[in-house]
Protein backbone atom coordinates (compact mmCIF):
# COMPACT_ATOMS: atom_id res chain seq x y z
CA UNK A 1 -4.11 -20.70 -1.48
CA UNK A 2 -6.25 -18.65 0.89
CA UNK A 3 -6.63 -15.08 -0.40
CA UNK A 4 -7.26 -12.05 1.80
CA UNK A 5 -7.95 -8.50 0.59
CA UNK A 6 -7.17 -5.63 2.94
CA UNK A 7 -6.79 -1.86 3.08
CA UNK A 8 -6.32 1.09 5.46
CA UNK A 9 -9.02 3.67 6.22
CA UNK A 10 -9.97 6.35 8.69
CA UNK A 11 -13.41 7.78 9.35
CA UNK A 12 -12.54 10.94 7.44
CA UNK A 13 -11.27 9.13 4.36
CA UNK A 14 -14.10 6.64 4.45
CA UNK A 15 -16.48 9.53 3.89
CA UNK A 16 -14.30 11.06 1.15
CA UNK A 17 -13.68 8.00 -1.00
CA UNK A 18 -13.40 4.83 1.07
CA UNK A 19 -17.12 4.14 0.96
CA UNK A 20 -16.92 3.98 -2.84
CA UNK A 21 -14.20 1.35 -2.56
CA UNK A 22 -16.07 -0.77 0.02
CA UNK A 23 -19.36 -0.56 -1.87
CA UNK A 24 -17.72 -1.48 -5.17
CA UNK A 25 -15.86 -4.36 -3.52
CA UNK A 26 -19.10 -5.80 -2.15
CA UNK A 27 -20.78 -5.31 -5.52
CA UNK A 28 -18.15 -6.86 -7.76
CA UNK A 29 -16.10 -9.28 -5.62
CA UNK A 30 -17.08 -12.44 -3.75
CA UNK A 31 -14.01 -12.28 -1.47
CA UNK A 32 -13.63 -10.94 2.07
CA UNK A 33 -12.17 -7.54 2.93
CA UNK A 34 -10.36 -6.45 6.09
CA UNK A 35 -10.15 -2.72 6.87
CA UNK A 36 -7.49 -1.57 9.33
CA UNK A 37 -8.41 1.76 10.92
CA UNK A 38 -7.21 4.09 13.63
CA UNK A 39 -10.68 5.44 14.46
CA UNK A 40 -13.51 3.58 12.71
CA UNK A 41 -15.86 1.45 14.81
CA UNK A 42 -14.75 -2.18 14.70
CA UNK A 43 -17.21 -4.69 13.31
CA UNK A 44 -17.42 -8.02 11.52
CA UNK A 45 -20.36 -7.95 9.13
CA UNK A 46 -20.70 -10.27 6.21
CA UNK A 47 -17.64 -10.02 4.00
CA UNK A 48 -16.24 -6.82 5.51
CA UNK A 49 -14.39 -6.63 8.83
CA UNK A 50 -12.99 -3.50 10.49
CA UNK A 51 -10.04 -4.01 12.83
CA UNK A 52 -8.40 -1.32 14.95
CA UNK A 53 -4.73 -0.69 14.31
CA UNK A 54 -2.58 -1.84 17.22
CA UNK A 55 -0.04 0.96 17.02
CA UNK A 56 -2.30 4.01 17.15
CA UNK A 57 -0.64 5.56 20.21
CA UNK A 58 2.84 5.21 18.70
CA UNK A 59 1.58 6.62 15.41
CA UNK A 60 0.02 9.63 17.15
CA UNK A 61 3.33 10.40 18.86
CA UNK A 62 5.18 10.05 15.57
CA UNK A 63 2.75 12.35 13.73
CA UNK A 64 3.07 15.07 16.35
CA UNK A 65 6.84 14.92 16.07
CA UNK A 66 6.71 14.85 12.27
CA UNK A 67 4.46 17.90 12.09
CA UNK A 68 6.71 19.85 14.44
CA UNK A 69 9.85 18.96 12.47
CA UNK A 70 8.55 19.00 8.91
CA UNK A 71 4.83 19.38 8.27
CA UNK A 72 4.25 22.77 9.86
CA UNK A 73 7.16 24.26 7.91
CA UNK A 74 5.70 23.17 4.58
CA UNK A 75 1.98 23.85 4.99
CA UNK A 76 1.96 25.50 1.57
CA UNK A 77 2.94 22.16 -0.01
CA UNK A 78 0.18 19.56 0.50
CA UNK A 79 2.62 16.79 -0.44
CA UNK A 80 4.81 17.54 2.56
CA UNK A 81 2.04 18.32 5.02
CA UNK A 82 0.45 14.90 4.38
CA UNK A 83 3.61 12.82 4.28
CA UNK A 84 2.87 11.33 7.68
CA UNK A 85 -0.32 9.58 6.48
CA UNK A 86 1.46 6.62 4.90
CA UNK A 87 2.65 5.36 8.29
CA UNK A 88 -0.81 3.82 8.67
CA UNK A 89 -0.03 1.60 5.69
CA UNK A 90 3.22 0.36 7.24
CA UNK A 91 1.38 -0.27 10.52
CA UNK A 92 -1.29 -2.18 8.58
CA UNK A 93 1.31 -4.32 6.81
CA UNK A 94 3.01 -5.06 10.12
CA UNK A 95 -0.24 -6.05 11.81
CA UNK A 96 -1.71 -8.26 9.10
CA UNK A 97 1.53 -10.17 8.50
CA UNK A 98 1.48 -11.11 12.19
CA UNK A 99 -2.13 -12.33 11.98
CA UNK A 100 -1.84 -14.99 9.27
CA UNK A 101 0.54 -17.92 8.96
CA UNK A 102 -0.23 -18.65 5.33
CA UNK A 103 -2.17 -17.46 2.31
CA UNK A 104 -1.79 -14.46 0.05
CA UNK A 105 -2.72 -10.96 1.18
CA UNK A 106 -3.71 -8.42 -1.45
CA UNK A 107 -3.47 -4.79 -0.41
CA UNK A 108 -5.47 -2.21 -2.37
CA UNK A 109 -5.42 1.51 -1.59
CA UNK A 110 -8.79 2.66 -0.30
CA UNK A 111 -8.89 5.51 -2.82
CA UNK A 112 -9.67 2.92 -5.48
CA UNK A 113 -12.87 1.75 -7.10
CA UNK A 114 -13.61 -1.70 -8.50
CA UNK A 115 -15.35 -1.28 -11.82
CA UNK A 116 -16.28 -4.74 -13.13
CA UNK A 117 -17.82 -8.05 -12.14
CA UNK A 118 -14.74 -9.64 -13.74
CA UNK A 119 -12.62 -8.38 -10.83
CA UNK A 120 -12.10 -11.77 -9.15
CA UNK A 121 -11.18 -13.46 -12.43
CA UNK A 122 -8.75 -10.74 -13.47
CA UNK A 123 -7.08 -10.71 -10.05
CA UNK A 124 -6.74 -14.51 -10.10
CA UNK A 125 -5.05 -14.38 -13.49
CA UNK A 126 -2.88 -11.38 -12.61
CA UNK A 127 -1.43 -12.70 -9.35
CA UNK A 128 -1.06 -16.32 -10.50
CA UNK A 129 2.75 -16.13 -10.97
CA UNK A 130 3.36 -15.07 -7.37
CA UNK A 131 0.47 -17.03 -5.86
CA UNK A 132 1.90 -20.24 -7.27
CA UNK A 133 5.42 -19.53 -6.03
CA UNK A 134 6.89 -20.11 -2.59
CA UNK A 135 10.01 -18.07 -3.37
CA UNK A 136 8.72 -14.48 -3.15
CA UNK A 137 7.88 -12.46 -0.05
CA UNK A 138 6.03 -9.67 -1.82
CA UNK A 139 4.59 -8.78 -5.22
CA UNK A 140 4.83 -5.14 -6.24
CA UNK A 141 4.94 -2.78 -9.22
CA UNK A 142 8.55 -1.56 -9.54
CA UNK A 143 8.11 1.45 -11.81
CA UNK A 144 10.29 1.96 -14.84
CA UNK A 145 12.01 5.23 -13.86
CA UNK A 146 14.73 4.70 -11.28
CA UNK A 147 13.84 7.96 -9.48
CA UNK A 148 10.41 6.51 -8.69
CA UNK A 149 9.88 4.07 -5.87
CA UNK A 150 7.45 1.17 -6.33
CA UNK A 151 3.72 1.77 -6.70
CA UNK A 152 2.23 0.65 -3.40
CA UNK A 153 -1.45 1.09 -4.27
CA UNK A 154 -1.63 -2.61 -5.14
CA UNK A 155 0.62 -5.21 -3.48
CA UNK A 156 0.59 -8.92 -2.76
CA UNK A 157 1.98 -10.45 0.44
CA UNK A 158 3.05 -14.04 1.02
CA UNK A 159 1.89 -14.57 4.61
CA UNK A 160 3.90 -17.79 4.97
CA UNK A 161 7.11 -15.76 4.70
CA UNK A 162 8.81 -15.24 8.06
CA UNK A 163 11.08 -12.70 6.37
CA UNK A 164 8.04 -10.61 5.48
CA UNK A 165 6.82 -10.52 9.07
CA UNK A 166 10.24 -9.57 10.42
CA UNK A 167 10.85 -6.85 7.85
CA UNK A 168 7.59 -4.99 8.26
CA UNK A 169 8.06 -5.00 12.01
CA UNK A 170 11.52 -3.52 11.49
CA UNK A 171 10.27 -0.99 8.95
CA UNK A 172 7.60 0.25 11.34
CA UNK A 173 10.17 0.56 14.14
CA UNK A 174 12.47 2.56 11.85
CA UNK A 175 9.72 5.09 11.26
CA UNK A 176 8.72 5.34 14.90
CA UNK A 177 12.35 5.80 15.93
CA UNK A 178 12.92 8.48 13.25
CA UNK A 179 15.52 6.47 11.34
CA UNK A 180 13.54 6.93 8.15
CA UNK A 181 14.65 10.59 8.06
CA UNK A 182 17.98 9.31 6.71
CA UNK A 183 16.27 8.13 3.51
CA UNK A 184 16.16 10.34 0.39
CA UNK A 185 12.36 10.35 0.54
CA UNK A 186 9.91 9.66 3.32
CA UNK A 187 7.21 7.30 2.10
CA UNK A 188 6.13 3.71 2.53
CA UNK A 189 7.32 3.14 -1.06
CA UNK A 190 10.88 4.22 -0.28
CA UNK A 191 11.04 2.00 2.80
CA UNK A 192 9.83 -1.05 0.90
CA UNK A 193 12.11 -0.24 -2.04
CA UNK A 194 15.17 -0.12 0.19
CA UNK A 195 14.27 -3.48 1.76
CA UNK A 196 14.03 -4.95 -1.75
CA UNK A 197 17.29 -3.39 -2.95
CA UNK A 198 19.11 -4.67 0.14
CA UNK A 199 17.69 -8.17 -0.53
CA UNK A 200 15.79 -8.17 2.74
CA UNK A 201 12.61 -8.87 0.78
CA UNK A 202 12.38 -11.10 -2.27
CA UNK A 203 10.12 -9.17 -4.62
CA UNK A 204 8.06 -10.36 -7.55
CA UNK A 205 7.93 -7.46 -10.00
CA UNK A 206 4.60 -7.12 -11.78
CA UNK A 207 6.15 -4.56 -14.14
CA UNK A 208 8.88 -6.97 -15.23
CA UNK A 209 6.52 -9.95 -15.48
CA UNK A 210 4.05 -8.12 -17.68
CA UNK A 211 6.59 -5.85 -19.42
CA UNK A 212 4.99 -2.66 -18.15
CA UNK A 213 7.06 0.46 -18.78
CA UNK A 214 5.15 3.27 -17.17
CA UNK A 215 5.17 5.65 -14.22
CA UNK A 216 1.53 4.62 -13.79
CA UNK A 217 1.79 0.83 -14.00
CA UNK A 218 -1.65 -0.05 -12.61
CA UNK A 219 -3.20 1.76 -15.58
CA UNK A 220 -0.97 -0.09 -18.02
CA UNK A 221 -1.63 -3.54 -16.58
CA UNK A 222 -4.61 -5.85 -16.91
CA UNK A 223 -5.89 -4.39 -13.65
CA UNK A 224 -7.09 -1.29 -15.49
CA UNK A 225 -10.00 -3.38 -16.75
CA UNK A 226 -11.39 -3.82 -13.24
CA UNK A 227 -9.71 -1.31 -10.92
CA UNK A 228 -9.50 2.49 -10.91
CA UNK A 229 -7.02 4.19 -8.60
CA UNK A 230 -8.58 7.60 -8.11
CA UNK A 231 -5.37 9.55 -7.50
CA UNK A 232 -3.40 7.60 -10.07
CA UNK A 233 -3.48 10.14 -12.95
CA UNK A 234 -1.49 12.70 -10.96
CA UNK A 235 1.50 10.33 -11.03
CA UNK A 236 1.64 10.48 -14.80
CA UNK A 237 1.89 14.29 -14.87
CA UNK A 238 5.36 14.95 -13.60
CA UNK A 239 7.73 17.76 -14.43
CA UNK A 240 11.50 18.12 -14.23
CA UNK A 241 11.06 20.58 -11.35
CA UNK A 242 8.97 18.12 -9.33
CA UNK A 243 11.50 15.39 -10.06
CA UNK A 244 14.42 17.56 -8.89
CA UNK A 245 12.79 18.43 -5.56
CA UNK A 246 11.80 14.84 -4.91
CA UNK A 247 8.04 15.14 -5.21
CA UNK A 248 7.70 11.96 -7.25
CA UNK A 249 8.36 8.85 -5.25
């Protein structure tokens, strides 16, 4: 099956940590990488391609509205003031699922670093159960605690799934049309989780497959041998207070 790695990046975040991810990918993987960006220069060089996000204008309008309704009122809480950033991930998922008719897409958050030349081999072994199945739409870490939505820093997408294409288009439209405000939390994880719970997406659960019981499943899986998610440790340090006010999703 054709395998495609992809991520989301802006110019600002490329300078902060994205360059580490791209450099480590080129160093340790032999695969191709697609970067979806709202403002980086588009190019197709070697194994890395940068593609402009289609929905930038809609996203800009959404972000302005979000900041006026929510973000500006909670500037003292970085979690709330940055809660609009994840819409780029949903836009990326929508766009890439419309680009390919088959194959497996592997999304990795750009604040990650590949740490070993064994990356390709470990990934091949890790995703084999979903890559060899035609039943699932998406592969995702569904974390052990029911108050936590899935970990979306690493996901697998079955591009041959028409259901997948339809759902991410609908999820993006829900955000743009402000319907996502009805959800208990406002993240890409909660949107995807609801689609799974409502059986709109057939999900392969990496946590269940590999018996991972952790709030930080990437670190407890085989992926920890080859992949470091730079912001991952913060998810393991949660308090009752943070849980009560919904800061862990």
